[in-house]
């Protein structure tokens, strides 16, 4: 009969998260705006419509910019880490 070995419960040392929760919120809002922009572009059936030519591309580009901002944003260092001599 094979010997049963204990499985790791995954309670080892935790790795720090790559981004903070604020970064994930910015990226989530950006993805939502991209989806909304493409949906508006799809729903406006007129080829030369105002929404499909003007509003939707602005929303999509804003969404992409928010995603990039969420990726590049760094948390500010706490004020108490700097010591004055």
PDB file of N, CA and C in Angstrom:
ATOM      1  N   UNK A   1       0.843  -1.179   0.000  1.00  0.00           N
ATOM      2  CA  UNK A   1       0.000   0.000   0.000  1.00  0.00           C
ATOM      3  C   UNK A   1       0.889   1.243   0.000  1.00  0.00           C
ATOM      4  N   UNK A   2       0.613   2.201  -0.913  1.00  0.00           N
ATOM      5  CA  UNK A   2       1.457   3.396  -0.978  1.00  0.00           C
ATOM      6  C   UNK A   2       1.306   4.261   0.266  1.00  0.00           C
ATOM      7  N   UNK A   3       2.387   4.900   0.623  1.00  0.00           N
ATOM      8  CA  UNK A   3       2.393   5.772   1.788  1.00  0.00           C
ATOM      9  C   UNK A   3       1.787   7.107   1.420  1.00  0.00           C
ATOM     10  N   UNK A   4       0.893   7.590   2.249  1.00  0.00           N
ATOM     11  CA  UNK A   4       0.257   8.884   2.023  1.00  0.00           C
ATOM     12  C   UNK A   4       1.174   9.985   2.551  1.00  0.00           C
ATOM     13  N   UNK A   5       1.394  10.987   1.744  1.00  0.00           N
ATOM     14  CA  UNK A   5       2.204  12.119   2.190  1.00  0.00           C
ATOM     15  C   UNK A   5       1.291  13.315   2.402  1.00  0.00           C
ATOM     16  N   UNK A   6       1.697  14.150   3.303  1.00  0.00           N
ATOM     17  CA  UNK A   6       0.918  15.363   3.565  1.00  0.00           C
ATOM     18  C   UNK A   6       1.092  16.344   2.427  1.00  0.00           C
ATOM     19  N   UNK A   7      -0.003  16.928   2.045  1.00  0.00           N
ATOM     20  CA  UNK A   7       0.046  17.967   1.028  1.00  0.00           C
ATOM     21  C   UNK A   7       0.246  19.316   1.689  1.00  0.00           C
ATOM     22  N   UNK A   8       0.890  20.168   0.962  1.00  0.00           N
ATOM     23  CA  UNK A   8       1.091  21.523   1.449  1.00  0.00           C
ATOM     24  C   UNK A   8      -0.252  22.250   1.454  1.00  0.00           C
ATOM     25  N   UNK A   9      -0.554  22.912   2.544  1.00  0.00           N
ATOM     26  CA  UNK A   9      -1.824  23.625   2.641  1.00  0.00           C
ATOM     27  C   UNK A   9      -1.741  25.029   2.039  1.00  0.00           C
ATOM     28  N   UNK A  10      -0.590  25.369   1.482  1.00  0.00           N
ATOM     29  CA  UNK A  10      -0.457  26.679   0.864  1.00  0.00           C
ATOM     30  C   UNK A  10      -0.272  27.798   1.862  1.00  0.00           C
ATOM     31  N   UNK A  11       0.105  27.451   3.067  1.00  0.00           N
ATOM     32  CA  UNK A  11       0.287  28.480   4.090  1.00  0.00           C
ATOM     33  C   UNK A  11       1.747  28.860   4.248  1.00  0.00           C
ATOM     34  N   UNK A  12       2.492  28.766   3.172  1.00  0.00           N
ATOM     35  CA  UNK A  12       3.895  29.134   3.204  1.00  0.00           C
ATOM     36  C   UNK A  12       4.045  30.638   3.227  1.00  0.00           C
ATOM     37  N   UNK A  13       5.255  31.089   3.007  1.00  0.00           N
ATOM     38  CA  UNK A  13       5.464  32.551   3.004  1.00  0.00           C
ATOM     39  C   UNK A  13       4.673  33.198   1.872  1.00  0.00           C
ATOM     40  N   UNK A  14       3.976  34.256   2.213  1.00  0.00           N
ATOM     41  CA  UNK A  14       3.156  34.949   1.223  1.00  0.00           C
ATOM     42  C   UNK A  14       4.025  35.886   0.403  1.00  0.00           C
ATOM     43  N   UNK A  15       3.731  35.929  -0.889  1.00  0.00           N
ATOM     44  CA  UNK A  15       4.427  36.855  -1.772  1.00  0.00           C
ATOM     45  C   UNK A  15       3.679  38.179  -1.761  1.00  0.00           C
ATOM     46  N   UNK A  16       4.395  39.287  -1.818  1.00  0.00           N
ATOM     47  CA  UNK A  16       3.695  40.580  -1.859  1.00  0.00           C
ATOM     48  C   UNK A  16       2.953  40.732  -3.183  1.00  0.00           C
ATOM     49  N   UNK A  17       1.855  41.443  -3.129  1.00  0.00           N
ATOM     50  CA  UNK A  17       1.073  41.667  -4.346  1.00  0.00           C
ATOM     51  C   UNK A  17       1.840  42.594  -5.281  1.00  0.00           C
ATOM     52  N   UNK A  18       1.662  42.362  -6.565  1.00  0.00           N
ATOM     53  CA  UNK A  18       2.376  43.150  -7.554  1.00  0.00           C
ATOM     54  C   UNK A  18       1.908  44.602  -7.555  1.00  0.00           C
ATOM     55  N   UNK A  19       0.584  44.794  -7.427  1.00  0.00           N
ATOM     56  CA  UNK A  19       0.007  46.130  -7.392  1.00  0.00           C
ATOM     57  C   UNK A  19      -0.801  46.285  -6.112  1.00  0.00           C
ATOM     58  N   UNK A  20      -1.076  47.527  -5.742  1.00  0.00           N
ATOM     59  CA  UNK A  20      -1.942  47.775  -4.594  1.00  0.00           C
ATOM     60  C   UNK A  20      -3.397  47.726  -5.046  1.00  0.00           C
ATOM     61  N   UNK A  21      -4.300  47.782  -4.091  1.00  0.00           N
ATOM     62  CA  UNK A  21      -5.720  47.721  -4.435  1.00  0.00           C
ATOM     63  C   UNK A  21      -6.155  48.945  -5.240  1.00  0.00           C
ATOM     64  N   UNK A  22      -5.515  50.070  -5.011  1.00  0.00           N
ATOM     65  CA  UNK A  22      -5.850  51.281  -5.774  1.00  0.00           C
ATOM     66  C   UNK A  22      -5.490  51.092  -7.245  1.00  0.00           C
ATOM     67  N   UNK A  23      -4.347  50.448  -7.516  1.00  0.00           N
ATOM     68  CA  UNK A  23      -3.952  50.186  -8.898  1.00  0.00           C
ATOM     69  C   UNK A  23      -4.965  49.279  -9.594  1.00  0.00           C
ATOM     70  N   UNK A  24      -5.409  48.234  -8.892  1.00  0.00           N
ATOM     71  CA  UNK A  24      -6.386  47.322  -9.478  1.00  0.00           C
ATOM     72  C   UNK A  24      -7.720  48.030  -9.751  1.00  0.00           C
ATOM     73  N   UNK A  25      -8.086  48.971  -8.896  1.00  0.00           N
ATOM     74  CA  UNK A  25      -9.325  49.723  -9.127  1.00  0.00           C
ATOM     75  C   UNK A  25      -9.204  50.593 -10.378  1.00  0.00           C
ATOM     76  N   UNK A  26      -8.063  51.274 -10.543  1.00  0.00           N
ATOM     77  CA  UNK A  26      -7.848  52.091 -11.746  1.00  0.00           C
ATOM     78  C   UNK A  26      -7.900  51.224 -12.997  1.00  0.00           C
ATOM     79  N   UNK A  27      -7.247  50.055 -12.944  1.00  0.00           N
ATOM     80  CA  UNK A  27      -7.245  49.171 -14.106  1.00  0.00           C
ATOM     81  C   UNK A  27      -8.640  48.612 -14.386  1.00  0.00           C
ATOM     82  N   UNK A  28      -9.398  48.329 -13.346  1.00  0.00           N
ATOM     83  CA  UNK A  28     -10.760  47.835 -13.524  1.00  0.00           C
ATOM     84  C   UNK A  28     -11.670  48.872 -14.163  1.00  0.00           C
ATOM     85  N   UNK A  29     -11.563  50.112 -13.707  1.00  0.00           N
ATOM     86  CA  UNK A  29     -12.362  51.192 -14.298  1.00  0.00           C
ATOM     87  C   UNK A  29     -11.957  51.403 -15.755  1.00  0.00           C
ATOM     88  N   UNK A  30     -10.659  51.329 -16.034  1.00  0.00           N
ATOM     89  CA  UNK A  30     -10.196  51.476 -17.416  1.00  0.00           C
ATOM     90  C   UNK A  30     -10.725  50.370 -18.312  1.00  0.00           C
ATOM     91  N   UNK A  31     -10.682  49.124 -17.839  1.00  0.00           N
ATOM     92  CA  UNK A  31     -11.221  48.006 -18.636  1.00  0.00           C
ATOM     93  C   UNK A  31     -12.719  48.168 -18.861  1.00  0.00           C
ATOM     94  N   UNK A  32     -13.414  48.624 -17.847  1.00  0.00           N
ATOM     95  CA  UNK A  32     -14.852  48.851 -17.985  1.00  0.00           C
ATOM     96  C   UNK A  32     -15.138  49.921 -19.039  1.00  0.00           C
ATOM     97  N   UNK A  33     -14.341  50.994 -19.043  1.00  0.00           N
ATOM     98  CA  UNK A  33     -14.530  52.045 -20.046  1.00  0.00           C
ATOM     99  C   UNK A  33     -14.237  51.542 -21.456  1.00  0.00           C
ATOM    100  N   UNK A  34     -13.228  50.697 -21.604  1.00  0.00           N
ATOM    101  CA  UNK A  34     -12.929  50.132 -22.920  1.00  0.00           C
ATOM    102  C   UNK A  34     -14.096  49.287 -23.407  1.00  0.00           C
ATOM    103  N   UNK A  35     -14.647  48.473 -22.530  1.00  0.00           N
ATOM    104  CA  UNK A  35     -15.785  47.626 -22.899  1.00  0.00           C
ATOM    105  C   UNK A  35     -16.999  48.484 -23.255  1.00  0.00           C
ATOM    106  N   UNK A  36     -17.267  49.521 -22.471  1.00  0.00           N
ATOM    107  CA  UNK A  36     -18.396  50.414 -22.753  1.00  0.00           C
ATOM    108  C   UNK A  36     -18.191  51.135 -24.085  1.00  0.00           C
ATOM    109  N   UNK A  37     -16.975  51.589 -24.355  1.00  0.00           N
ATOM    110  CA  UNK A  37     -16.703  52.291 -25.611  1.00  0.00           C
ATOM    111  C   UNK A  37     -16.908  51.405 -26.821  1.00  0.00           C
ATOM    112  N   UNK A  38     -16.407  50.179 -26.766  1.00  0.00           N
ATOM    113  CA  UNK A  38     -16.601  49.275 -27.897  1.00  0.00           C
ATOM    114  C   UNK A  38     -18.056  48.855 -28.034  1.00  0.00           C
ATOM    115  N   UNK A  39     -18.757  48.727 -26.919  1.00  0.00           N
ATOM    116  CA  UNK A  39     -20.178  48.390 -26.985  1.00  0.00           C
ATOM    117  C   UNK A  39     -20.973  49.521 -27.629  1.00  0.00           C
ATOM    118  N   UNK A  40     -20.690  50.757 -27.245  1.00  0.00           N
ATOM    119  CA  UNK A  40     -21.361  51.894 -27.884  1.00  0.00           C
ATOM    120  C   UNK A  40     -21.052  51.959 -29.373  1.00  0.00           C
ATOM    121  N   UNK A  41     -19.828  51.643 -29.733  1.00  0.00           N
ATOM    122  CA  UNK A  41     -19.456  51.656 -31.145  1.00  0.00           C
ATOM    123  C   UNK A  41     -20.227  50.582 -31.913  1.00  0.00           C
ATOM    124  N   UNK A  42     -20.437  49.449 -31.272  1.00  0.00           N
ATOM    125  CA  UNK A  42     -21.165  48.353 -31.908  1.00  0.00           C
ATOM    126  C   UNK A  42     -22.657  48.663 -32.011  1.00  0.00           C
ATOM    127  N   UNK A  43     -23.216  49.278 -30.973  1.00  0.00           N
ATOM    128  CA  UNK A  43     -24.654  49.521 -30.950  1.00  0.00           C
ATOM    129  C   UNK A  43     -25.090  50.625 -31.906  1.00  0.00           C
ATOM    130  N   UNK A  44     -24.219  51.579 -32.182  1.00  0.00           N
ATOM    131  CA  UNK A  44     -24.558  52.650 -33.114  1.00  0.00           C
ATOM    132  C   UNK A  44     -24.380  52.108 -34.525  1.00  0.00           C
ATOM    133  N   UNK A  45     -25.489  51.820 -35.206  1.00  0.00           N
ATOM    134  CA  UNK A  45     -25.437  51.177 -36.517  1.00  0.00           C
ATOM    135  C   UNK A  45     -25.055  52.123 -37.645  1.00  0.00           C
ATOM    136  N   UNK A  46     -25.151  53.404 -37.422  1.00  0.00           N
ATOM    137  CA  UNK A  46     -24.832  54.374 -38.464  1.00  0.00           C
ATOM    138  C   UNK A  46     -23.317  54.482 -38.608  1.00  0.00           C
ATOM    139  N   UNK A  47     -22.818  54.352 -39.850  1.00  0.00           N
ATOM    140  CA  UNK A  47     -21.371  54.392 -40.085  1.00  0.00           C
ATOM    141  C   UNK A  47     -20.802  55.762 -39.752  1.00  0.00           C
ATOM    142  N   UNK A  48     -21.524  56.803 -40.095  1.00  0.00           N
ATOM    143  CA  UNK A  48     -21.047  58.158 -39.846  1.00  0.00           C
ATOM    144  C   UNK A  48     -21.767  58.792 -38.662  1.00  0.00           C
ATOM    145  N   UNK A  49     -22.171  57.996 -37.705  1.00  0.00           N
ATOM    146  CA  UNK A  49     -22.876  58.506 -36.542  1.00  0.00           C
ATOM    147  C   UNK A  49     -21.953  59.240 -35.587  1.00  0.00           C
ATOM    148  N   UNK A  50     -22.535  60.142 -34.845  1.00  0.00           N
ATOM    149  CA  UNK A  50     -21.755  60.935 -33.891  1.00  0.00           C
ATOM    150  C   UNK A  50     -21.160  60.067 -32.787  1.00  0.00           C
ATOM    151  N   UNK A  51     -21.932  59.100 -32.302  1.00  0.00           N
ATOM    152  CA  UNK A  51     -21.456  58.255 -31.202  1.00  0.00           C
ATOM    153  C   UNK A  51     -20.320  57.346 -31.664  1.00  0.00           C
ATOM    154  N   UNK A  52     -20.472  56.713 -32.829  1.00  0.00           N
ATOM    155  CA  UNK A  52     -19.457  55.765 -33.281  1.00  0.00           C
ATOM    156  C   UNK A  52     -18.182  56.444 -33.769  1.00  0.00           C
ATOM    157  N   UNK A  53     -18.263  57.697 -34.176  1.00  0.00           N
ATOM    158  CA  UNK A  53     -17.074  58.386 -34.673  1.00  0.00           C
ATOM    159  C   UNK A  53     -16.414  59.301 -33.657  1.00  0.00           C
ATOM    160  N   UNK A  54     -17.158  59.770 -32.676  1.00  0.00           N
ATOM    161  CA  UNK A  54     -16.604  60.767 -31.758  1.00  0.00           C
ATOM    162  C   UNK A  54     -16.581  60.287 -30.311  1.00  0.00           C
ATOM    163  N   UNK A  55     -17.722  59.887 -29.809  1.00  0.00           N
ATOM    164  CA  UNK A  55     -17.838  59.568 -28.385  1.00  0.00           C
ATOM    165  C   UNK A  55     -17.121  58.265 -28.041  1.00  0.00           C
ATOM    166  N   UNK A  56     -17.375  57.224 -28.812  1.00  0.00           N
ATOM    167  CA  UNK A  56     -16.802  55.919 -28.503  1.00  0.00           C
ATOM    168  C   UNK A  56     -15.271  55.899 -28.529  1.00  0.00           C
ATOM    169  N   UNK A  57     -14.617  56.458 -29.557  1.00  0.00           N
ATOM    170  CA  UNK A  57     -13.149  56.461 -29.516  1.00  0.00           C
ATOM    171  C   UNK A  57     -12.571  57.232 -28.330  1.00  0.00           C
ATOM    172  N   UNK A  58     -13.222  58.299 -27.932  1.00  0.00           N
ATOM    173  CA  UNK A  58     -12.748  59.053 -26.766  1.00  0.00           C
ATOM    174  C   UNK A  58     -12.864  58.202 -25.504  1.00  0.00           C
ATOM    175  N   UNK A  59     -13.963  57.465 -25.368  1.00  0.00           N
ATOM    176  CA  UNK A  59     -14.159  56.600 -24.196  1.00  0.00           C
ATOM    177  C   UNK A  59     -13.134  55.473 -24.193  1.00  0.00           C
ATOM    178  N   UNK A  60     -12.877  54.873 -25.359  1.00  0.00           N
ATOM    179  CA  UNK A  60     -11.917  53.772 -25.447  1.00  0.00           C
ATOM    180  C   UNK A  60     -10.507  54.256 -25.119  1.00  0.00           C
ATOM    181  N   UNK A  61     -10.109  55.382 -25.677  1.00  0.00           N
ATOM    182  CA  UNK A  61      -8.765  55.911 -25.406  1.00  0.00           C
ATOM    183  C   UNK A  61      -8.631  56.289 -23.935  1.00  0.00           C
ATOM    184  N   UNK A  62      -9.671  56.861 -23.347  1.00  0.00           N
ATOM    185  CA  UNK A  62      -9.641  57.173 -21.926  1.00  0.00           C
ATOM    186  C   UNK A  62      -9.485  55.898 -21.097  1.00  0.00           C
ATOM    187  N   UNK A  63     -10.169  54.844 -21.498  1.00  0.00           N
ATOM    188  CA  UNK A  63     -10.034  53.569 -20.795  1.00  0.00           C
ATOM    189  C   UNK A  63      -8.623  53.033 -20.876  1.00  0.00           C
ATOM    190  N   UNK A  64      -8.025  53.071 -22.063  1.00  0.00           N
ATOM    191  CA  UNK A  64      -6.638  52.601 -22.206  1.00  0.00           C
ATOM    192  C   UNK A  64      -5.673  53.445 -21.381  1.00  0.00           C
ATOM    193  N   UNK A  65      -5.903  54.744 -21.331  1.00  0.00           N
ATOM    194  CA  UNK A  65      -5.044  55.616 -20.529  1.00  0.00           C
ATOM    195  C   UNK A  65      -5.179  55.312 -19.036  1.00  0.00           C
ATOM    196  N   UNK A  66      -6.407  55.018 -18.589  1.00  0.00           N
ATOM    197  CA  UNK A  66      -6.596  54.671 -17.186  1.00  0.00           C
ATOM    198  C   UNK A  66      -5.926  53.349 -16.832  1.00  0.00           C
ATOM    199  N   UNK A  67      -5.970  52.393 -17.744  1.00  0.00           N
ATOM    200  CA  UNK A  67      -5.276  51.123 -17.501  1.00  0.00           C
ATOM    201  C   UNK A  67      -3.771  51.363 -17.404  1.00  0.00           C
ATOM    202  N   UNK A  68      -3.223  52.147 -18.308  1.00  0.00           N
ATOM    203  CA  UNK A  68      -1.793  52.463 -18.265  1.00  0.00           C
ATOM    204  C   UNK A  68      -1.441  53.223 -16.989  1.00  0.00           C
ATOM    205  N   UNK A  69      -2.296  54.149 -16.579  1.00  0.00           N
ATOM    206  CA  UNK A  69      -2.068  54.888 -15.339  1.00  0.00           C
ATOM    207  C   UNK A  69      -2.087  53.931 -14.142  1.00  0.00           C
ATOM    208  N   UNK A  70      -3.020  52.986 -14.139  1.00  0.00           N
ATOM    209  CA  UNK A  70      -3.094  52.018 -13.050  1.00  0.00           C
ATOM    210  C   UNK A  70      -1.870  51.135 -12.980  1.00  0.00           C
ATOM    211  N   UNK A  71      -1.281  50.820 -14.122  1.00  0.00           N
ATOM    212  CA  UNK A  71      -0.080  49.996 -14.131  1.00  0.00           C
ATOM    213  C   UNK A  71       1.133  50.800 -13.660  1.00  0.00           C
ATOM    214  N   UNK A  72       1.237  52.040 -14.085  1.00  0.00           N
ATOM    215  CA  UNK A  72       2.426  52.838 -13.810  1.00  0.00           C
ATOM    216  C   UNK A  72       2.396  53.575 -12.471  1.00  0.00           C
ATOM    217  N   UNK A  73       1.225  53.725 -11.858  1.00  0.00           N
ATOM    218  CA  UNK A  73       1.105  54.486 -10.615  1.00  0.00           C
ATOM    219  C   UNK A  73       1.827  53.763  -9.486  1.00  0.00           C
ATOM    220  N   UNK A  74       2.650  54.490  -8.773  1.00  0.00           N
ATOM    221  CA  UNK A  74       3.367  53.962  -7.624  1.00  0.00           C
ATOM    222  C   UNK A  74       2.824  54.601  -6.360  1.00  0.00           C
ATOM    223  N   UNK A  75       2.797  53.831  -5.303  1.00  0.00           N
ATOM    224  CA  UNK A  75       2.352  54.362  -4.022  1.00  0.00           C
ATOM    225  C   UNK A  75       3.381  55.353  -3.489  1.00  0.00           C
ATOM    226  N   UNK A  76       2.926  56.408  -2.888  1.00  0.00           N
ATOM    227  CA  UNK A  76       3.807  57.399  -2.288  1.00  0.00           C
ATOM    228  C   UNK A  76       4.457  56.816  -1.041  1.00  0.00           C
ATOM    229  N   UNK A  77       5.695  57.152  -0.828  1.00  0.00           N
ATOM    230  CA  UNK A  77       6.397  56.669   0.362  1.00  0.00           C
ATOM    231  C   UNK A  77       5.791  57.329   1.592  1.00  0.00           C
ATOM    232  N   UNK A  78       5.627  56.580   2.680  1.00  0.00           N
ATOM    233  CA  UNK A  78       5.092  57.184   3.906  1.00  0.00           C
ATOM    234  C   UNK A  78       5.988  58.301   4.399  1.00  0.00           C
ATOM    235  N   UNK A  79       5.396  59.319   4.973  1.00  0.00           N
ATOM    236  CA  UNK A  79       6.151  60.500   5.413  1.00  0.00           C
ATOM    237  C   UNK A  79       7.091  60.185   6.570  1.00  0.00           C
ATOM    238  N   UNK A  80       6.793  59.153   7.369  1.00  0.00           N
ATOM    239  CA  UNK A  80       7.620  58.878   8.532  1.00  0.00           C
ATOM    240  C   UNK A  80       8.890  58.106   8.187  1.00  0.00           C
ATOM    241  N   UNK A  81       9.121  57.745   6.942  1.00  0.00           N
ATOM    242  CA  UNK A  81      10.339  57.020   6.578  1.00  0.00           C
ATOM    243  C   UNK A  81      11.520  57.960   6.417  1.00  0.00           C
ATOM    244  N   UNK A  82      11.257  59.234   6.192  1.00  0.00           N
ATOM    245  CA  UNK A  82      12.341  60.193   6.048  1.00  0.00           C
ATOM    246  C   UNK A  82      12.674  60.784   7.407  1.00  0.00           C
ATOM    247  N   UNK A  83      13.925  60.646   7.798  1.00  0.00           N
ATOM    248  CA  UNK A  83      14.351  61.159   9.092  1.00  0.00           C
ATOM    249  C   UNK A  83      15.189  62.409   8.897  1.00  0.00           C
ATOM    250  N   UNK A  84      14.901  63.405   9.703  1.00  0.00           N
ATOM    251  CA  UNK A  84      15.682  64.635   9.640  1.00  0.00           C
ATOM    252  C   UNK A  84      16.791  64.557  10.668  1.00  0.00           C
ATOM    253  N   UNK A  85      17.957  65.052  10.300  1.00  0.00           N
ATOM    254  CA  UNK A  85      19.101  65.037  11.237  1.00  0.00           C
ATOM    255  C   UNK A  85      19.248  66.341  11.931  1.00  0.00           C
TER     256      UNK A  85
END
